[in-house]
N, C-alpha and C. Protein backbone atom coordinates (compact mmCIF):
# COMPACT_ATOMS: atom_id res chain seq x y z
N MET A 1 57.02 61.59 21.24
CA MET A 1 57.03 62.68 21.72
C MET A 1 58.65 63.39 21.43
N ALA A 2 57.90 64.47 20.98
CA ALA A 2 59.39 65.11 20.45
C ALA A 2 60.18 65.64 20.92
N ARG A 3 61.47 65.92 20.57
CA ARG A 3 62.61 66.23 21.86
C ARG A 3 63.03 67.49 21.28
N TYR A 4 63.50 68.39 22.24
CA TYR A 4 63.56 69.14 22.11
C TYR A 4 65.72 69.70 21.55
N LEU A 5 65.52 70.48 21.15
CA LEU A 5 66.92 70.82 20.22
C LEU A 5 67.08 72.06 20.38
N TYR A 6 66.44 73.11 20.48
CA TYR A 6 67.85 74.11 21.20
C TYR A 6 66.54 75.48 21.42
N SER A 7 67.29 76.46 21.72
CA SER A 7 66.17 77.20 22.26
C SER A 7 67.34 79.07 21.30
N LYS A 8 66.61 79.85 20.84
CA LYS A 8 67.17 81.45 20.91
C LYS A 8 66.49 82.32 21.34
N ALA A 9 66.94 83.48 21.26
CA ALA A 9 66.21 84.97 21.55
C ALA A 9 65.44 84.76 20.92
N VAL A 10 64.09 85.90 20.61
CA VAL A 10 62.78 86.18 19.90
C VAL A 10 63.64 87.35 19.30
N ALA A 11 63.49 86.96 17.64
CA ALA A 11 63.73 87.90 16.81
C ALA A 11 65.10 89.23 17.05
N GLY A 12 66.26 88.35 17.54
CA GLY A 12 67.67 89.24 17.98
C GLY A 12 67.60 89.57 19.18
N HIS A 13 66.15 89.76 19.69
CA HIS A 13 66.13 90.36 21.52
C HIS A 13 66.63 89.87 22.44
N LYS A 14 68.33 90.07 22.61
CA LYS A 14 68.90 88.88 23.16
C LYS A 14 68.57 88.88 24.64
N TYR A 15 68.38 90.52 24.97
CA TYR A 15 68.31 90.68 26.55
C TYR A 15 66.40 90.51 27.05
N ALA A 16 65.70 90.33 25.95
CA ALA A 16 64.25 89.70 26.17
C ALA A 16 64.23 88.65 27.60
N GLN A 17 63.03 88.73 28.27
CA GLN A 17 62.71 87.73 28.73
C GLN A 17 62.23 86.86 27.91
N ALA A 18 62.54 86.11 26.76
CA ALA A 18 61.73 85.31 25.79
C ALA A 18 62.49 84.74 24.82
N GLN A 19 61.85 83.55 24.54
CA GLN A 19 62.72 82.76 23.49
C GLN A 19 61.94 82.06 23.07
N GLU A 20 62.49 81.46 21.60
CA GLU A 20 61.75 80.83 20.73
C GLU A 20 63.02 78.95 21.76
N ASN A 21 61.39 78.02 21.39
CA ASN A 21 62.37 76.76 20.94
C ASN A 21 61.99 75.76 20.40
N TYR A 22 62.96 75.07 19.89
CA TYR A 22 62.53 74.51 18.22
C TYR A 22 62.74 73.03 18.98
N PHE A 23 61.60 72.02 18.03
CA PHE A 23 61.93 70.69 18.30
C PHE A 23 61.67 69.70 17.57
N ASP A 24 62.92 68.65 17.37
CA ASP A 24 62.87 67.86 16.19
C ASP A 24 61.94 67.29 15.35
N ASP A 25 60.40 67.42 15.64
CA ASP A 25 59.28 67.40 15.06
C ASP A 25 59.22 68.31 14.07
N GLY A 26 59.48 69.58 14.37
CA GLY A 26 59.24 71.00 13.32
C GLY A 26 58.05 71.66 14.82
N THR A 27 57.88 71.58 15.41
CA THR A 27 57.61 72.24 16.54
C THR A 27 58.05 73.74 17.01
N VAL A 28 57.57 74.94 16.95
CA VAL A 28 57.99 75.70 17.87
C VAL A 28 57.18 76.55 18.35
N GLN A 29 58.18 77.16 19.85
CA GLN A 29 57.59 77.69 20.60
C GLN A 29 57.99 78.91 21.02
N LEU A 30 56.96 79.68 21.38
CA LEU A 30 57.22 81.13 22.29
C LEU A 30 57.11 81.15 23.55
N GLN A 31 58.04 81.42 24.49
CA GLN A 31 57.99 81.16 25.70
C GLN A 31 58.30 82.65 26.53
N SER A 32 57.69 83.11 27.02
CA SER A 32 57.79 84.24 27.87
C SER A 32 57.94 84.12 29.31
N TYR A 33 59.00 84.20 29.58
CA TYR A 33 60.00 84.24 31.05
C TYR A 33 59.47 82.38 31.11
N SER A 34 58.65 81.80 31.61
CA SER A 34 58.43 80.66 32.15
C SER A 34 57.20 79.95 31.59
N THR A 35 56.30 80.73 31.64
CA THR A 35 54.97 80.17 30.41
C THR A 35 55.20 80.27 28.69
N ILE A 36 54.86 79.33 28.22
CA ILE A 36 55.23 79.08 26.30
C ILE A 36 53.08 79.69 25.89
N ILE A 37 53.89 80.35 25.49
CA ILE A 37 51.99 81.41 25.41
C ILE A 37 51.80 81.43 23.56
N ILE A 38 53.38 80.73 22.53
CA ILE A 38 52.59 80.50 20.98
C ILE A 38 53.33 79.15 20.96
N GLU A 39 52.64 78.41 20.65
CA GLU A 39 53.18 76.95 19.73
C GLU A 39 52.96 76.67 18.57
N ILE A 40 53.29 76.48 17.14
CA ILE A 40 53.22 76.37 16.11
C ILE A 40 53.74 74.71 15.90
N ASP A 41 52.88 73.83 15.53
CA ASP A 41 52.91 72.85 15.49
C ASP A 41 53.36 71.85 13.95
N PRO A 42 53.72 70.99 14.15
CA PRO A 42 54.61 70.59 12.75
C PRO A 42 53.54 70.73 11.86
N GLU A 43 52.03 70.76 11.31
CA GLU A 43 51.61 71.16 9.98
C GLU A 43 51.38 72.31 9.97
N GLY A 44 51.35 73.17 10.83
CA GLY A 44 51.43 74.85 11.07
C GLY A 44 50.53 75.24 11.93
N TRP A 45 49.95 74.63 12.22
CA TRP A 45 48.92 75.30 13.21
C TRP A 45 49.06 76.07 14.05
N ARG A 46 49.15 77.30 14.39
CA ARG A 46 49.61 78.39 15.79
C ARG A 46 48.75 78.18 16.35
N HIS A 47 48.78 78.26 18.25
CA HIS A 47 48.10 77.48 19.33
C HIS A 47 48.45 78.86 20.30
N CYS A 48 48.19 80.18 20.62
CA CYS A 48 47.98 81.26 21.34
C CYS A 48 47.12 80.34 22.97
N THR A 49 47.78 80.97 23.98
CA THR A 49 47.60 80.71 25.18
C THR A 49 46.50 81.59 25.57
N GLY A 50 47.57 83.32 25.65
CA GLY A 50 46.99 83.97 25.71
C GLY A 50 48.00 85.68 25.46
N THR A 51 47.30 86.46 25.75
CA THR A 51 48.18 87.77 25.78
C THR A 51 48.86 88.15 26.97
N TYR A 52 48.52 87.82 27.98
CA TYR A 52 48.93 88.16 29.68
C TYR A 52 49.47 89.76 29.62
N SER A 53 50.42 89.93 29.86
CA SER A 53 51.18 91.20 30.49
C SER A 53 51.96 92.32 28.90
N MET A 54 51.79 93.91 29.38
CA MET A 54 52.20 94.43 27.92
C MET A 54 54.11 94.14 27.67
N THR A 55 54.41 93.14 28.99
CA THR A 55 55.68 92.77 28.05
C THR A 55 55.87 91.38 27.64
N THR A 56 54.62 90.75 27.80
CA THR A 56 54.42 89.86 27.21
C THR A 56 53.56 89.75 25.17
N ILE A 57 53.11 91.00 25.29
CA ILE A 57 52.47 91.34 24.50
C ILE A 57 53.84 91.61 23.18
N LYS A 58 54.98 92.42 24.10
CA LYS A 58 55.83 92.65 22.74
C LYS A 58 56.77 91.40 22.68
N HIS A 59 56.89 90.34 23.07
CA HIS A 59 57.67 89.34 22.62
C HIS A 59 56.29 88.93 21.65
N ILE A 60 54.69 88.41 21.99
CA ILE A 60 53.96 87.77 20.84
C ILE A 60 54.27 88.99 19.75
N GLY A 61 54.38 90.15 19.79
CA GLY A 61 54.62 90.75 18.36
C GLY A 61 56.23 90.23 17.73
N TRP A 62 56.98 90.59 18.51
CA TRP A 62 58.19 90.35 17.98
C TRP A 62 58.30 88.71 16.80
N PHE A 63 57.99 87.90 17.81
CA PHE A 63 57.14 86.72 17.58
C PHE A 63 57.02 86.50 16.38
N MET A 64 55.74 86.66 16.18
CA MET A 64 54.68 87.18 15.25
C MET A 64 55.76 87.96 13.81
N ARG A 65 55.93 88.83 13.92
CA ARG A 65 56.60 89.75 13.12
C ARG A 65 57.51 89.12 12.07
N GLU A 66 58.35 88.60 12.67
CA GLU A 66 59.48 87.38 12.43
C GLU A 66 58.33 86.20 11.37
N ARG A 67 57.41 86.07 11.23
CA ARG A 67 56.68 85.25 10.38
C ARG A 67 56.01 85.82 9.87
N GLY A 68 56.19 86.85 9.42
CA GLY A 68 55.09 88.11 8.50
C GLY A 68 53.78 87.99 8.94
N MET A 69 53.39 88.24 9.98
CA MET A 69 52.06 88.20 10.75
C MET A 69 52.24 89.64 12.17
N SER A 70 51.15 89.64 12.57
CA SER A 70 50.84 90.74 13.84
C SER A 70 50.76 90.04 14.95
N TYR A 71 50.93 90.78 16.14
CA TYR A 71 50.48 90.56 17.03
C TYR A 71 48.65 90.75 17.24
N GLN A 72 48.27 91.95 16.38
CA GLN A 72 46.42 92.19 16.62
C GLN A 72 46.04 90.57 16.00
N LEU A 73 46.12 89.99 14.70
CA LEU A 73 46.18 88.65 14.41
C LEU A 73 46.17 87.60 15.94
N ALA A 74 47.24 87.42 16.19
CA ALA A 74 47.13 86.21 17.36
C ALA A 74 46.60 86.38 18.80
N LYS A 75 45.84 88.32 18.83
CA LYS A 75 44.84 88.07 20.06
C LYS A 75 43.86 88.11 19.44
N LEU A 76 43.37 88.12 18.31
CA LEU A 76 42.13 88.07 17.68
C LEU A 76 41.85 86.18 17.97
N MET A 77 43.08 85.78 17.60
CA MET A 77 42.84 84.48 17.58
C MET A 77 42.57 84.06 18.58
N TRP A 78 42.96 84.34 19.43
CA TRP A 78 42.71 83.70 21.36
C TRP A 78 41.32 84.57 22.05
N LEU A 79 40.89 85.75 21.21
CA LEU A 79 39.97 86.44 21.85
C LEU A 79 38.67 85.27 21.35
N ASP A 80 38.69 84.13 19.78
CA ASP A 80 37.81 83.82 19.49
C ASP A 80 37.90 82.82 19.29
N ASN A 81 38.91 82.05 20.28
CA ASN A 81 38.85 80.96 20.54
C ASN A 81 39.49 80.10 19.14
N LYS A 82 40.58 80.55 18.47
CA LYS A 82 40.64 80.11 16.96
C LYS A 82 41.85 79.44 16.89
N GLU A 83 42.28 78.90 15.56
CA GLU A 83 44.09 78.52 15.41
C GLU A 83 43.83 79.03 14.13
N PHE A 84 45.37 79.45 13.51
CA PHE A 84 45.65 79.54 12.23
C PHE A 84 46.57 79.04 11.80
N ASN A 85 46.57 78.66 10.67
CA ASN A 85 47.38 77.96 10.26
C ASN A 85 48.71 78.65 9.08
N ILE A 86 49.52 78.95 9.49
CA ILE A 86 50.98 79.59 8.84
C ILE A 86 51.25 79.40 7.93
N ARG A 87 50.98 78.36 7.22
CA ARG A 87 51.59 77.78 5.74
C ARG A 87 50.57 77.60 4.94
N THR A 88 49.06 77.53 5.55
CA THR A 88 47.72 77.51 4.39
C THR A 88 47.12 78.52 4.28
N GLY A 89 47.06 79.37 5.86
CA GLY A 89 46.23 81.02 6.05
C GLY A 89 44.94 80.08 6.51
N GLU A 90 44.52 78.97 6.54
CA GLU A 90 43.10 78.24 7.45
C GLU A 90 43.00 78.85 8.79
N CYS A 91 41.82 78.88 9.28
CA CYS A 91 41.30 79.16 10.47
C CYS A 91 40.32 78.63 11.17
N ARG A 92 40.63 77.33 11.88
CA ARG A 92 39.61 77.05 12.87
C ARG A 92 39.05 76.92 13.89
N SER A 93 38.28 76.76 14.70
CA SER A 93 37.74 76.75 16.12
C SER A 93 39.07 75.83 16.74
N ARG A 94 39.29 75.97 18.35
CA ARG A 94 40.40 75.36 18.85
C ARG A 94 39.33 73.79 19.45
N GLY A 95 39.26 72.58 19.41
CA GLY A 95 39.09 71.59 20.26
C GLY A 95 39.49 71.64 21.08
């Protein structure tokens, strides 16, 4: 089981109610308020749990832009029940 290392504000938005959580196995999570919205696992697969509110949409946008992607990609992948690999560009159905 991965151990929590630290958290930081999303893309320098230190007053937003969102943070990035980092773990010792390489997992990164986007947490908006108390909900985990996006998780990138050690192999690079990005999982999105939903788009939720307008505020959370902003958090997702900041998180995705920091990684060279867009909110629209996160939304489409969630709607299509897909996962995206940020390292290889592969796309697959969520199992």
